[in-house]
Protein backbone atom coordinates (compact mmCIF):
# COMPACT_ATOMS: atom_id res chain seq x y z
CA MET A 1 -0.06 0.28 0.29
CA PRO A 2 1.06 3.36 -0.95
CA ILE A 3 3.01 5.36 2.15
CA ILE A 4 1.04 9.11 1.14
CA PRO A 5 -2.39 7.90 1.77
CA GLN A 6 -1.00 5.96 5.51
CA PHE A 7 0.89 8.87 6.45
CA LEU A 8 -2.34 10.82 5.55
CA LEU A 9 -4.93 9.33 7.48
CA GLY A 10 -2.29 9.33 10.43
CA ALA A 11 -2.09 12.92 10.29
CA TYR A 12 -5.98 13.40 10.12
CA LEU A 13 -6.34 10.74 13.50
CA LEU A 14 -3.54 12.85 15.26
CA PHE A 15 -4.85 16.30 14.60
CA LEU A 16 -8.28 14.85 16.20
CA VAL A 17 -6.25 13.40 19.11
CA ALA A 18 -4.57 17.18 19.49
CA ALA A 19 -7.99 18.79 18.97
CA GLY A 20 -9.42 16.83 21.40
CA TRP A 21 -6.89 17.69 23.79
CA ARG A 22 -7.30 21.01 23.33
CA LEU A 23 -11.09 21.59 23.52
CA TRP A 24 -11.15 19.16 27.12
CA SER A 25 -8.61 22.73 28.10
CA ILE A 26 -11.54 25.28 26.55
CA GLY A 27 -13.63 26.70 29.13
CA TRP A 28 -16.98 26.60 26.60
CA THR A 29 -20.20 25.04 28.16
CA ARG A 30 -20.69 20.84 26.64
CA TRP A 31 -22.66 21.84 23.84
CA ILE A 32 -20.71 24.28 21.86
CA LYS A 33 -17.55 21.77 22.62
CA THR A 34 -19.33 18.52 21.42
CA ALA A 35 -21.06 20.83 18.20
CA THR A 36 -17.18 21.99 17.57
CA ALA A 37 -16.12 18.34 18.01
CA LEU A 38 -18.73 17.39 15.37
CA ALA A 39 -17.30 20.39 12.70
CA LEU A 40 -13.85 18.64 13.30
CA VAL A 41 -14.72 14.93 12.40
CA LEU A 42 -17.39 15.05 9.99
CA PRO A 43 -15.92 17.01 7.14
CA MET A 44 -13.19 14.01 6.14
CA PRO A 45 -16.12 11.20 6.05
CA LEU A 46 -18.46 13.15 4.32
CA LEU A 47 -16.24 13.43 1.07
CA LEU A 48 -16.49 10.21 0.92
CA MET A 49 -19.87 9.29 2.39
CA ILE A 50 -21.60 11.80 0.21
CA PRO A 51 -20.98 10.61 -3.52
CA ALA A 52 -21.39 7.38 -2.29
CA ALA A 53 -25.01 8.01 -1.13
CA MET A 54 -25.72 10.34 -4.32
CA HIS A 55 -24.62 7.39 -6.66
CA ARG A 56 -25.71 4.16 -4.87
CA ASN A 57 -25.65 1.69 -7.78
CA GLY A 58 -21.78 2.99 -8.74
CA ALA A 59 -19.08 0.20 -8.31
CA TRP A 60 -17.48 1.57 -5.76
CA SER A 61 -20.50 3.27 -3.68
CA ASN A 62 -20.11 0.51 -1.22
CA LEU A 63 -16.64 1.09 -1.04
CA LEU A 64 -16.58 4.43 -0.47
CA MET A 65 -19.43 4.35 2.42
CA GLN A 66 -17.36 1.71 4.29
CA LEU A 67 -14.38 3.91 4.35
CA GLY A 68 -16.62 7.04 5.18
CA LEU A 69 -17.60 4.78 8.58
CA THR A 70 -14.48 3.68 9.42
CA LEU A 71 -13.24 7.40 9.02
CA LEU A 72 -16.01 8.70 11.40
CA VAL A 73 -15.69 6.10 13.82
CA CYS A 74 -11.61 6.27 14.13
CA GLY A 75 -11.79 10.19 14.16
CA LEU A 76 -14.66 9.99 17.09
CA ILE A 77 -12.53 7.48 19.11
CA SER A 78 -9.29 9.80 18.45
CA LEU A 79 -11.38 12.60 19.36
CA ALA A 80 -12.34 10.98 22.85
CA GLY A 81 -8.99 9.53 23.36
CA GLY A 82 -7.73 13.22 23.31
CA PHE A 83 -10.69 14.02 25.81
CA SER A 84 -9.84 11.54 28.26
CA ALA A 85 -6.32 12.08 28.02
CA ALA A 86 -6.38 15.78 28.54
CA ARG A 87 -9.12 14.71 31.94
CA LEU A 88 -6.83 12.04 33.30
CA ARG A 89 -3.64 14.43 33.08
CA SER A 90 -5.54 17.65 34.41
CA ARG A 91 -6.85 14.95 37.20
CA ARG A 92 -3.47 13.89 38.13
CA ARG A 93 -1.98 17.74 38.16
CA LYS A 94 -4.59 18.87 40.89
């Protein structure tokens, strides 16, 4: 498998871990943090899922939908990992 797509996927997931870490430390309400987290996670998977949903009979639509859903789940897990790491670190420092 080519190295560039793997590098981009790793960079995207690390970005989401860092974003989750920073969102935890910002003093916003829970609803604003949730909306910001969704705004950070959703664009990449939607770039794959929307064309797949529009062309359901296409040869690649199932693969695009599966890749989009996988990217969505992995992005949410990475963001939650950043949240939990920042929370655990802040508890240890108190």
